[in-house]
Amino acid sequence: MDNNINRWEPTKLQIDNIILPAYTDLSKRCVAYINELDCPPQYIADMLRDLAEAIIYSYPEFKGNSSDL
């Protein structure tokens, strides 16, 4: 895995306005999926792990200091 991700850090504004709301929304959606599917939490965790892997392989190199992420 490329270590370029270690060079980027979000701003406080990005954390407050984008990252924390995204975490909160994603967490709520995951709980809803667990309830709706009546599945073990591990199933959703595996889905998220697969998604994270797909994202990493879709963007193998982080280029520049893009604020689009």
Protein backbone atom coordinates (compact mmCIF):
# COMPACT_ATOMS: atom_id res chain seq x y z
CA MET A 1 0.00 0.00 0.00
CA ASP A 2 1.23 3.47 -0.82
CA ASN A 3 2.19 5.60 2.17
CA ASN A 4 1.22 8.88 0.47
CA ILE A 5 -1.97 8.97 2.54
CA ASN A 6 0.22 9.72 5.56
CA ARG A 7 1.18 13.08 4.05
CA TRP A 8 -2.37 14.38 3.83
CA GLU A 9 -4.22 15.67 6.86
CA PRO A 10 -7.70 17.17 6.82
CA THR A 11 -8.29 20.68 8.02
CA LYS A 12 -10.45 21.31 11.08
CA LEU A 13 -13.13 22.64 8.75
CA GLN A 14 -13.03 19.42 6.68
CA ILE A 15 -13.20 17.32 9.84
CA ASP A 16 -16.12 19.28 11.27
CA ASN A 17 -18.13 19.77 8.06
CA ILE A 18 -17.40 16.66 6.01
CA ILE A 19 -15.62 13.85 7.85
CA LEU A 20 -17.52 13.71 11.14
CA PRO A 21 -20.93 14.02 9.46
CA ALA A 22 -19.92 11.29 7.00
CA TYR A 23 -18.85 8.98 9.83
CA THR A 24 -22.09 9.64 11.68
CA ASP A 25 -24.24 9.07 8.60
CA LEU A 26 -22.36 5.93 7.61
CA SER A 27 -22.62 4.53 11.13
CA LYS A 28 -26.37 5.13 11.22
CA ARG A 29 -26.79 3.53 7.78
CA CYS A 30 -24.78 0.49 8.84
CA VAL A 31 -26.91 -0.02 11.94
CA ALA A 32 -30.04 0.32 9.78
CA TYR A 33 -28.70 -2.27 7.30
CA ILE A 34 -27.92 -4.67 10.15
CA ASN A 35 -31.48 -4.27 11.42
CA GLU A 36 -33.09 -4.42 7.97
CA LEU A 37 -31.11 -7.46 6.84
CA ASP A 38 -31.21 -9.07 10.28
CA CYS A 39 -27.57 -9.96 9.75
CA PRO A 40 -24.60 -10.09 12.08
CA PRO A 41 -22.59 -6.86 12.33
CA GLN A 42 -19.59 -8.74 10.93
CA TYR A 43 -21.36 -9.00 7.55
CA ILE A 44 -21.59 -5.20 7.28
CA ALA A 45 -18.02 -4.85 8.57
CA ASP A 46 -16.87 -7.20 5.79
CA MET A 47 -18.78 -5.11 3.23
CA LEU A 48 -17.06 -1.96 4.49
CA ARG A 49 -13.66 -3.67 4.37
CA ASP A 50 -14.33 -4.73 0.77
CA LEU A 51 -15.41 -1.20 -0.09
CA ALA A 52 -12.28 0.28 1.51
CA GLU A 53 -10.11 -2.12 -0.48
CA ALA A 54 -11.91 -1.20 -3.71
CA ILE A 55 -11.37 2.51 -3.01
CA ILE A 56 -7.68 2.00 -2.30
CA TYR A 57 -7.16 0.05 -5.51
CA SER A 58 -9.19 2.55 -7.54
CA TYR A 59 -6.91 5.38 -6.40
CA PRO A 60 -3.47 3.75 -6.16
CA GLU A 61 -1.60 7.04 -6.03
CA PHE A 62 -2.53 10.19 -4.19
CA LYS A 63 -1.50 13.08 -6.39
CA GLY A 64 -0.81 16.50 -4.94
CA ASN A 65 -2.63 18.23 -2.15
CA SER A 66 -6.12 17.93 -3.58
CA SER A 67 -8.88 19.16 -1.33
CA ASP A 68 -11.37 17.19 -3.41
CA LEU A 69 -10.99 14.08 -1.21
